Amino acid sequence: MSRFFWLLVGVGLTVFIMLRGRELMHRLTPRGIAEQVENKGHETAASFGDFMATFRHAMAEREAELRRELDLPESTN
């Protein structure tokens, strides 16, 4: 029974390592690396877009605050 248990453990580990190995091998191929770079580029562009939207909103709020404090007319933009 003990040998059968270890045989099953070995088979399970082998299957697990084979599946993970394929995934790892795909990530290390030129195509896999290109996909990773593309995904990181999309993530970076999205986070930069979010940053710029937040920056523009904060800038507009600060401009409106300064215009109120200095009694300047509202901008037409």
N, C-alpha and C. Protein backbone atom coordinates (compact mmCIF):
# COMPACT_ATOMS: atom_id res chain seq x y z
N MET A 1 0.83 -1.19 0.00
CA MET A 1 0.00 0.00 0.00
C MET A 1 0.87 1.25 0.00
N SER A 2 1.98 1.22 0.74
CA SER A 2 2.87 2.37 0.82
C SER A 2 3.51 2.66 -0.54
N ARG A 3 3.90 1.62 -1.25
CA ARG A 3 4.50 1.83 -2.57
C ARG A 3 3.48 2.41 -3.55
N PHE A 4 2.27 1.94 -3.47
CA PHE A 4 1.21 2.45 -4.34
C PHE A 4 0.96 3.93 -4.06
N PHE A 5 0.97 4.30 -2.79
CA PHE A 5 0.78 5.71 -2.40
C PHE A 5 1.88 6.57 -3.01
N TRP A 6 3.13 6.14 -2.87
CA TRP A 6 4.23 6.93 -3.40
C TRP A 6 4.23 6.94 -4.93
N LEU A 7 3.76 5.88 -5.53
CA LEU A 7 3.61 5.86 -6.98
C LEU A 7 2.60 6.92 -7.40
N LEU A 8 1.48 7.00 -6.71
CA LEU A 8 0.47 8.02 -7.03
C LEU A 8 1.00 9.43 -6.77
N VAL A 9 1.76 9.59 -5.72
CA VAL A 9 2.36 10.90 -5.44
C VAL A 9 3.31 11.28 -6.57
N GLY A 10 4.11 10.33 -7.01
CA GLY A 10 5.04 10.59 -8.11
C GLY A 10 4.33 10.93 -9.41
N VAL A 11 3.27 10.18 -9.71
CA VAL A 11 2.50 10.46 -10.92
C VAL A 11 1.87 11.85 -10.82
N GLY A 12 1.31 12.19 -9.68
CA GLY A 12 0.70 13.50 -9.50
C GLY A 12 1.70 14.63 -9.65
N LEU A 13 2.87 14.46 -9.04
CA LEU A 13 3.92 15.47 -9.18
C LEU A 13 4.40 15.60 -10.62
N THR A 14 4.52 14.48 -11.30
CA THR A 14 4.95 14.51 -12.69
C THR A 14 3.96 15.28 -13.55
N VAL A 15 2.69 15.02 -13.38
CA VAL A 15 1.67 15.73 -14.16
C VAL A 15 1.72 17.22 -13.83
N PHE A 16 1.82 17.55 -12.55
CA PHE A 16 1.87 18.94 -12.13
C PHE A 16 3.08 19.66 -12.73
N ILE A 17 4.24 19.01 -12.67
CA ILE A 17 5.46 19.61 -13.20
C ILE A 17 5.40 19.74 -14.72
N MET A 18 4.82 18.77 -15.38
CA MET A 18 4.70 18.85 -16.84
C MET A 18 3.82 20.01 -17.26
N LEU A 19 2.70 20.20 -16.58
CA LEU A 19 1.81 21.30 -16.93
C LEU A 19 2.46 22.64 -16.63
N ARG A 20 3.10 22.74 -15.47
CA ARG A 20 3.79 23.99 -15.12
C ARG A 20 4.98 24.22 -16.05
N GLY A 21 5.64 23.17 -16.44
CA GLY A 21 6.78 23.28 -17.34
C GLY A 21 6.37 23.82 -18.69
N ARG A 22 5.26 23.38 -19.21
CA ARG A 22 4.76 23.90 -20.49
C ARG A 22 4.47 25.38 -20.38
N GLU A 23 3.84 25.75 -19.29
CA GLU A 23 3.53 27.17 -19.08
C GLU A 23 4.81 27.99 -18.99
N LEU A 24 5.78 27.49 -18.24
CA LEU A 24 7.05 28.18 -18.10
C LEU A 24 7.78 28.25 -19.44
N MET A 25 7.79 27.17 -20.17
CA MET A 25 8.46 27.16 -21.47
C MET A 25 7.80 28.16 -22.42
N HIS A 26 6.48 28.26 -22.36
CA HIS A 26 5.78 29.23 -23.22
C HIS A 26 6.18 30.65 -22.85
N ARG A 27 6.29 30.91 -21.54
CA ARG A 27 6.65 32.26 -21.10
C ARG A 27 8.07 32.62 -21.50
N LEU A 28 8.95 31.63 -21.67
CA LEU A 28 10.34 31.89 -22.01
C LEU A 28 10.62 31.90 -23.51
N THR A 29 9.63 31.57 -24.31
CA THR A 29 9.81 31.63 -25.76
C THR A 29 9.70 33.08 -26.21
N PRO A 30 10.23 33.41 -27.38
CA PRO A 30 10.11 34.79 -27.87
C PRO A 30 8.65 35.26 -27.96
N ARG A 31 7.77 34.37 -28.38
CA ARG A 31 6.35 34.75 -28.47
C ARG A 31 5.78 35.02 -27.08
N GLY A 32 6.13 34.20 -26.10
CA GLY A 32 5.65 34.40 -24.74
C GLY A 32 6.17 35.69 -24.14
N ILE A 33 7.44 35.99 -24.40
CA ILE A 33 8.02 37.23 -23.90
C ILE A 33 7.35 38.42 -24.57
N ALA A 34 7.08 38.32 -25.86
CA ALA A 34 6.40 39.41 -26.56
C ALA A 34 5.00 39.64 -25.98
N GLU A 35 4.30 38.56 -25.63
CA GLU A 35 2.97 38.71 -25.02
C GLU A 35 3.08 39.39 -23.66
N GLN A 36 4.09 39.03 -22.88
CA GLN A 36 4.28 39.66 -21.58
C GLN A 36 4.58 41.15 -21.72
N VAL A 37 5.44 41.50 -22.68
CA VAL A 37 5.77 42.90 -22.91
C VAL A 37 4.53 43.67 -23.36
N GLU A 38 3.75 43.06 -24.25
CA GLU A 38 2.53 43.71 -24.73
C GLU A 38 1.55 43.94 -23.58
N ASN A 39 1.37 42.95 -22.72
CA ASN A 39 0.46 43.10 -21.58
C ASN A 39 0.95 44.20 -20.64
N LYS A 40 2.25 44.23 -20.36
CA LYS A 40 2.79 45.28 -19.49
C LYS A 40 2.61 46.65 -20.12
N GLY A 41 2.76 46.73 -21.43
CA GLY A 41 2.56 48.00 -22.14
C GLY A 41 1.13 48.49 -21.99
N HIS A 42 0.16 47.58 -22.14
CA HIS A 42 -1.24 47.95 -21.98
C HIS A 42 -1.53 48.39 -20.55
N GLU A 43 -0.97 47.67 -19.57
CA GLU A 43 -1.17 48.04 -18.17
C GLU A 43 -0.58 49.41 -17.88
N THR A 44 0.62 49.67 -18.42
CA THR A 44 1.28 50.95 -18.20
C THR A 44 0.49 52.08 -18.84
N ALA A 45 0.02 51.86 -20.06
CA ALA A 45 -0.76 52.89 -20.74
C ALA A 45 -2.05 53.19 -19.99
N ALA A 46 -2.69 52.15 -19.49
CA ALA A 46 -3.94 52.35 -18.74
C ALA A 46 -3.69 53.11 -17.45
N SER A 47 -2.63 52.75 -16.73
CA SER A 47 -2.35 53.44 -15.47
C SER A 47 -1.90 54.87 -15.73
N PHE A 48 -1.17 55.11 -16.82
CA PHE A 48 -0.78 56.48 -17.15
C PHE A 48 -2.00 57.31 -17.53
N GLY A 49 -2.93 56.70 -18.25
CA GLY A 49 -4.18 57.40 -18.59
C GLY A 49 -4.97 57.76 -17.34
N ASP A 50 -5.03 56.85 -16.38
CA ASP A 50 -5.71 57.14 -15.11
C ASP A 50 -5.00 58.27 -14.37
N PHE A 51 -3.67 58.24 -14.36
CA PHE A 51 -2.91 59.30 -13.71
C PHE A 51 -3.20 60.65 -14.35
N MET A 52 -3.18 60.69 -15.68
CA MET A 52 -3.41 61.95 -16.37
C MET A 52 -4.83 62.47 -16.12
N ALA A 53 -5.81 61.58 -16.08
CA ALA A 53 -7.18 62.02 -15.80
C ALA A 53 -7.29 62.60 -14.39
N THR A 54 -6.65 61.94 -13.44
CA THR A 54 -6.65 62.44 -12.06
C THR A 54 -5.93 63.78 -11.99
N PHE A 55 -4.80 63.90 -12.69
CA PHE A 55 -4.03 65.14 -12.69
C PHE A 55 -4.84 66.28 -13.29
N ARG A 56 -5.49 66.05 -14.42
CA ARG A 56 -6.29 67.10 -15.05
C ARG A 56 -7.45 67.53 -14.17
N HIS A 57 -8.08 66.58 -13.52
CA HIS A 57 -9.20 66.90 -12.63
C HIS A 57 -8.71 67.75 -11.45
N ALA A 58 -7.60 67.35 -10.84
CA ALA A 58 -7.05 68.11 -9.72
C ALA A 58 -6.61 69.50 -10.17
N MET A 59 -6.03 69.58 -11.36
CA MET A 59 -5.58 70.87 -11.88
C MET A 59 -6.77 71.80 -12.11
N ALA A 60 -7.86 71.26 -12.66
CA ALA A 60 -9.05 72.08 -12.90
C ALA A 60 -9.66 72.54 -11.57
N GLU A 61 -9.69 71.66 -10.58
CA GLU A 61 -10.21 72.05 -9.27
C GLU A 61 -9.37 73.16 -8.66
N ARG A 62 -8.04 73.02 -8.74
CA ARG A 62 -7.16 74.03 -8.16
C ARG A 62 -7.29 75.36 -8.91
N GLU A 63 -7.42 75.30 -10.22
CA GLU A 63 -7.59 76.52 -10.99
C GLU A 63 -8.89 77.23 -10.60
N ALA A 64 -9.96 76.47 -10.45
CA ALA A 64 -11.24 77.07 -10.05
C ALA A 64 -11.13 77.67 -8.65
N GLU A 65 -10.43 76.99 -7.76
CA GLU A 65 -10.24 77.51 -6.40
C GLU A 65 -9.46 78.82 -6.42
N LEU A 66 -8.38 78.87 -7.20
CA LEU A 66 -7.59 80.09 -7.30
C LEU A 66 -8.39 81.23 -7.93
N ARG A 67 -9.18 80.92 -8.95
CA ARG A 67 -10.01 81.96 -9.58
C ARG A 67 -11.02 82.53 -8.59
N ARG A 68 -11.60 81.66 -7.75
CA ARG A 68 -12.54 82.15 -6.73
C ARG A 68 -11.82 83.04 -5.72
N GLU A 69 -10.65 82.60 -5.26
CA GLU A 69 -9.91 83.36 -4.26
C GLU A 69 -9.42 84.70 -4.80
N LEU A 70 -9.06 84.77 -6.07
CA LEU A 70 -8.52 85.99 -6.65
C LEU A 70 -9.59 86.81 -7.39
N ASP A 71 -10.83 86.37 -7.32
CA ASP A 71 -11.95 87.06 -7.99
C ASP A 71 -11.68 87.24 -9.49
N LEU A 72 -11.21 86.21 -10.12
CA LEU A 72 -11.00 86.23 -11.56
C LEU A 72 -12.21 85.59 -12.24
N PRO A 73 -12.49 86.02 -13.47
CA PRO A 73 -13.62 85.39 -14.17
C PRO A 73 -13.31 83.92 -14.47
N GLU A 74 -14.36 83.12 -14.59
CA GLU A 74 -14.20 81.70 -14.92
C GLU A 74 -13.63 81.57 -16.32
N SER A 75 -12.82 80.56 -16.53
CA SER A 75 -12.23 80.37 -17.87
C SER A 75 -13.30 79.87 -18.82
N THR A 76 -13.11 80.14 -20.11
CA THR A 76 -14.08 79.73 -21.11
C THR A 76 -13.79 78.33 -21.64
N ASN A 77 -12.68 77.73 -21.25
CA ASN A 77 -12.32 76.40 -21.75
C ASN A 77 -13.09 75.35 -21.05
